[in-house]
Amino acid sequence: MTVDLADLDVPGPTETALTQPFWAAVEEGRLVIQRCGACGEAVFYPRAVCPHCWADALAWEEARGQGRLKSFSEIWKPGHSGWIPATPYLVGLVELAEGPTMLSHILSGGQEVYVGAPLVFAPTRIGRRVLPCFKIKQD
């Protein structure tokens, strides 16, 4: 069974003043992360201070939208009933090329999913929002 993810009635992410640049970029089909102007480290999830050096010198930058799958899980019993039509679906930890790790939906498209798989950013309309999903990179 295939379901159109845009038709799901699911709650969207909570947007705050701190996370607004991230969600605005995703809505435009772009992936942005923060980088510290003091130590140079890339940071994700959005924060007010760098977790590496504690400087308040974080700025947004465009990410390459590439990474690798560190771990994943197939979800059969979602935490919200709106996801039931899409089960089973995959979520995974994506190690971005820039270094940070983010949790994301993994769109398999029928391809084999495995730890270490190369991934590419695939912004996807799910319900009323565009979410930062990833899919297996095609050779």
C-alpha atoms as a PDB file:
ATOM      1  CA  MET A   1       0.000   0.000   0.000  1.00  0.00           C
ATOM      2  CA  THR A   2       1.300   3.442  -0.912  1.00  0.00           C
ATOM      3  CA  VAL A   3       0.126   6.576   0.826  1.00  0.00           C
ATOM      4  CA  ASP A   4       0.626  10.180  -0.260  1.00  0.00           C
ATOM      5  CA  LEU A   5       2.525  11.678   2.681  1.00  0.00           C
ATOM      6  CA  ALA A   6       1.071  15.117   1.902  1.00  0.00           C
ATOM      7  CA  ASP A   7      -2.382  13.750   2.775  1.00  0.00           C
ATOM      8  CA  LEU A   8      -1.434  12.743   6.329  1.00  0.00           C
ATOM      9  CA  ASP A   9      -3.068  14.631   9.197  1.00  0.00           C
ATOM     10  CA  VAL A  10      -0.059  14.859  11.483  1.00  0.00           C
ATOM     11  CA  PRO A  11       1.196  17.584  13.808  1.00  0.00           C
ATOM     12  CA  GLY A  12       4.034  19.671  12.444  1.00  0.00           C
ATOM     13  CA  PRO A  13       7.212  20.631  14.224  1.00  0.00           C
ATOM     14  CA  THR A  14       7.229  23.358  16.870  1.00  0.00           C
ATOM     15  CA  GLU A  15       8.757  26.489  15.393  1.00  0.00           C
ATOM     16  CA  THR A  16      10.476  29.016  17.654  1.00  0.00           C
ATOM     17  CA  ALA A  17      12.444  32.192  16.957  1.00  0.00           C
ATOM     18  CA  LEU A  18      15.624  30.096  17.238  1.00  0.00           C
ATOM     19  CA  THR A  19      14.487  27.349  14.817  1.00  0.00           C
ATOM     20  CA  GLN A  20      12.600  29.573  12.347  1.00  0.00           C
ATOM     21  CA  PRO A  21      15.552  29.970   9.896  1.00  0.00           C
ATOM     22  CA  PHE A  22      15.913  26.172   9.737  1.00  0.00           C
ATOM     23  CA  TRP A  23      12.211  25.534   9.035  1.00  0.00           C
ATOM     24  CA  ALA A  24      11.988  28.411   6.523  1.00  0.00           C
ATOM     25  CA  ALA A  25      14.915  26.942   4.571  1.00  0.00           C
ATOM     26  CA  VAL A  26      13.394  23.435   4.592  1.00  0.00           C
ATOM     27  CA  GLU A  27      10.119  24.889   3.282  1.00  0.00           C
ATOM     28  CA  GLU A  28      12.180  26.338   0.387  1.00  0.00           C
ATOM     29  CA  GLY A  29      13.834  22.958  -0.240  1.00  0.00           C
ATOM     30  CA  ARG A  30      17.152  23.867   1.375  1.00  0.00           C
ATOM     31  CA  LEU A  31      19.026  22.419   4.353  1.00  0.00           C
ATOM     32  CA  VAL A  32      20.813  24.867   6.653  1.00  0.00           C
ATOM     33  CA  ILE A  33      22.841  24.255   9.792  1.00  0.00           C
ATOM     34  CA  GLN A  34      24.741  26.524  12.141  1.00  0.00           C
ATOM     35  CA  ARG A  35      28.515  27.014  12.230  1.00  0.00           C
ATOM     36  CA  CYS A  36      30.422  28.608  15.068  1.00  0.00           C
ATOM     37  CA  GLY A  37      32.398  31.705  14.137  1.00  0.00           C
ATOM     38  CA  ALA A  38      34.709  31.160  17.109  1.00  0.00           C
ATOM     39  CA  CYS A  39      35.751  27.503  16.803  1.00  0.00           C
ATOM     40  CA  GLY A  40      34.512  26.657  13.284  1.00  0.00           C
ATOM     41  CA  GLU A  41      32.471  23.598  14.314  1.00  0.00           C
ATOM     42  CA  ALA A  42      29.200  22.768  12.542  1.00  0.00           C
ATOM     43  CA  VAL A  43      26.182  22.479  14.829  1.00  0.00           C
ATOM     44  CA  PHE A  44      22.792  20.813  14.622  1.00  0.00           C
ATOM     45  CA  TYR A  45      20.125  21.111  16.215  1.00  0.00           C
ATOM     46  CA  PRO A  46      19.629  24.914  16.314  1.00  0.00           C
ATOM     47  CA  ARG A  47      21.054  26.470  19.490  1.00  0.00           C
ATOM     48  CA  ALA A  48      21.878  29.858  20.959  1.00  0.00           C
ATOM     49  CA  VAL A  49      25.452  28.926  21.962  1.00  0.00           C
ATOM     50  CA  CYS A  50      28.042  26.572  20.500  1.00  0.00           C
ATOM     51  CA  PRO A  51      28.130  23.214  22.342  1.00  0.00           C
ATOM     52  CA  HIS A  52      31.838  22.867  21.472  1.00  0.00           C
ATOM     53  CA  CYS A  53      33.279  26.144  22.815  1.00  0.00           C
ATOM     54  CA  TRP A  54      30.271  27.913  24.410  1.00  0.00           C
ATOM     55  CA  ALA A  55      30.632  30.988  22.183  1.00  0.00           C
ATOM     56  CA  ASP A  56      27.501  32.823  21.103  1.00  0.00           C
ATOM     57  CA  ALA A  57      28.881  33.137  17.562  1.00  0.00           C
ATOM     58  CA  LEU A  58      26.619  30.732  15.640  1.00  0.00           C
ATOM     59  CA  ALA A  59      25.574  31.658  12.098  1.00  0.00           C
ATOM     60  CA  TRP A  60      23.423  29.822   9.546  1.00  0.00           C
ATOM     61  CA  GLU A  61      25.023  28.281   6.454  1.00  0.00           C
ATOM     62  CA  GLU A  62      23.841  26.118   3.589  1.00  0.00           C
ATOM     63  CA  ALA A  63      24.555  22.434   4.121  1.00  0.00           C
ATOM     64  CA  ARG A  64      25.514  20.112   1.259  1.00  0.00           C
ATOM     65  CA  GLY A  65      22.512  17.893   1.906  1.00  0.00           C
ATOM     66  CA  GLN A  66      24.578  14.726   1.945  1.00  0.00           C
ATOM     67  CA  GLY A  67      25.338  12.269   4.687  1.00  0.00           C
ATOM     68  CA  ARG A  68      25.374   8.653   5.727  1.00  0.00           C
ATOM     69  CA  LEU A  69      22.952   6.535   7.716  1.00  0.00           C
ATOM     70  CA  LYS A  70      24.286   5.851  11.236  1.00  0.00           C
ATOM     71  CA  SER A  71      21.260   3.919  12.510  1.00  0.00           C
ATOM     72  CA  PHE A  72      17.594   3.450  11.636  1.00  0.00           C
ATOM     73  CA  SER A  73      14.358   1.978  12.873  1.00  0.00           C
ATOM     74  CA  GLU A  74      11.236   0.775  11.102  1.00  0.00           C
ATOM     75  CA  ILE A  75       8.183   2.266  12.822  1.00  0.00           C
ATOM     76  CA  TRP A  76       5.095   0.053  13.056  1.00  0.00           C
ATOM     77  CA  LYS A  77       3.350   1.734  15.993  1.00  0.00           C
ATOM     78  CA  PRO A  78       3.588   5.519  15.585  1.00  0.00           C
ATOM     79  CA  GLY A  79       3.255   7.905  18.492  1.00  0.00           C
ATOM     80  CA  HIS A  80       0.470   9.840  16.739  1.00  0.00           C
ATOM     81  CA  SER A  81      -2.524   8.247  15.020  1.00  0.00           C
ATOM     82  CA  GLY A  82      -2.084  10.460  11.954  1.00  0.00           C
ATOM     83  CA  TRP A  83       0.959   8.392  10.958  1.00  0.00           C
ATOM     84  CA  ILE A  84      -0.912   5.061  10.902  1.00  0.00           C
ATOM     85  CA  PRO A  85      -1.670   5.172   7.130  1.00  0.00           C
ATOM     86  CA  ALA A  86       2.080   5.513   6.436  1.00  0.00           C
ATOM     87  CA  THR A  87       3.233   2.585   8.588  1.00  0.00           C
ATOM     88  CA  PRO A  88       5.651   1.041   8.385  1.00  0.00           C
ATOM     89  CA  TYR A  89       8.011   3.961   7.802  1.00  0.00           C
ATOM     90  CA  LEU A  90      11.677   4.545   8.550  1.00  0.00           C
ATOM     91  CA  VAL A  91      13.419   7.068  10.772  1.00  0.00           C
ATOM     92  CA  GLY A  92      17.155   7.240  11.120  1.00  0.00           C
ATOM     93  CA  LEU A  93      20.171   9.079  12.395  1.00  0.00           C
ATOM     94  CA  VAL A  94      21.864  10.886   9.521  1.00  0.00           C
ATOM     95  CA  GLU A  95      25.478  11.939   9.940  1.00  0.00           C
ATOM     96  CA  LEU A  96      25.702  15.035   7.758  1.00  0.00           C
ATOM     97  CA  ALA A  97      28.792  15.597   5.592  1.00  0.00           C
ATOM     98  CA  GLU A  98      29.501  18.668   7.746  1.00  0.00           C
ATOM     99  CA  GLY A  99      29.706  16.499  10.889  1.00  0.00           C
ATOM    100  CA  PRO A 100      26.534  16.887  12.990  1.00  0.00           C
ATOM    101  CA  THR A 101      23.937  14.132  13.256  1.00  0.00           C
ATOM    102  CA  MET A 102      20.219  14.713  12.764  1.00  0.00           C
ATOM    103  CA  LEU A 103      17.144  12.532  13.159  1.00  0.00           C
ATOM    104  CA  SER A 104      15.127  12.289   9.944  1.00  0.00           C
ATOM    105  CA  HIS A 105      12.599  10.300   8.004  1.00  0.00           C
ATOM    106  CA  ILE A 106      14.325   7.949   5.559  1.00  0.00           C
ATOM    107  CA  LEU A 107      12.495   7.536   2.254  1.00  0.00           C
ATOM    108  CA  SER A 108      13.526   4.129   0.930  1.00  0.00           C
ATOM    109  CA  GLY A 109      11.638   4.142  -2.367  1.00  0.00           C
ATOM    110  CA  GLY A 110      11.860   0.354  -2.244  1.00  0.00           C
ATOM    111  CA  GLN A 111      15.660   0.401  -2.024  1.00  0.00           C
ATOM    112  CA  GLU A 112      17.611  -1.580   0.537  1.00  0.00           C
ATOM    113  CA  VAL A 113      18.315   0.548   3.608  1.00  0.00           C
ATOM    114  CA  TYR A 114      21.462  -0.247   5.597  1.00  0.00           C
ATOM    115  CA  VAL A 115      23.755   1.370   8.133  1.00  0.00           C
ATOM    116  CA  GLY A 116      26.411   3.315   6.260  1.00  0.00           C
ATOM    117  CA  ALA A 117      24.186   3.969   3.233  1.00  0.00           C
ATOM    118  CA  PRO A 118      24.937   7.264   1.457  1.00  0.00           C
ATOM    119  CA  LEU A 119      22.007   9.661   1.750  1.00  0.00           C
ATOM    120  CA  VAL A 120      20.839  12.876   0.087  1.00  0.00           C
ATOM    121  CA  PHE A 121      18.471  15.533   1.373  1.00  0.00           C
ATOM    122  CA  ALA A 122      14.920  15.058   0.085  1.00  0.00           C
ATOM    123  CA  PRO A 123      12.578  17.731   1.472  1.00  0.00           C
ATOM    124  CA  THR A 124       9.081  16.219   1.499  1.00  0.00           C
ATOM    125  CA  ARG A 125       5.612  17.620   2.129  1.00  0.00           C
ATOM    126  CA  ILE A 126       4.155  15.615   4.993  1.00  0.00           C
ATOM    127  CA  GLY A 127       0.779  16.888   6.084  1.00  0.00           C
ATOM    128  CA  ARG A 128       0.824  20.674   6.080  1.00  0.00           C
ATOM    129  CA  ARG A 129       4.622  21.084   6.369  1.00  0.00           C
ATOM    130  CA  VAL A 130       7.746  20.296   4.390  1.00  0.00           C
ATOM    131  CA  LEU A 131      10.033  18.115   6.500  1.00  0.00           C
ATOM    132  CA  PRO A 132      13.766  17.427   6.107  1.00  0.00           C
ATOM    133  CA  CYS A 133      13.746  13.844   4.868  1.00  0.00           C
ATOM    134  CA  PHE A 134      16.603  11.890   3.314  1.00  0.00           C
ATOM    135  CA  LYS A 135      16.747   9.169   0.687  1.00  0.00           C
ATOM    136  CA  ILE A 136      19.374   6.692  -0.522  1.00  0.00           C
ATOM    137  CA  LYS A 137      21.818   8.376  -2.896  1.00  0.00           C
ATOM    138  CA  GLN A 138      21.672   7.017  -6.451  1.00  0.00           C
ATOM    139  CA  ASP A 139      25.031   6.043  -7.953  1.00  0.00           C
END
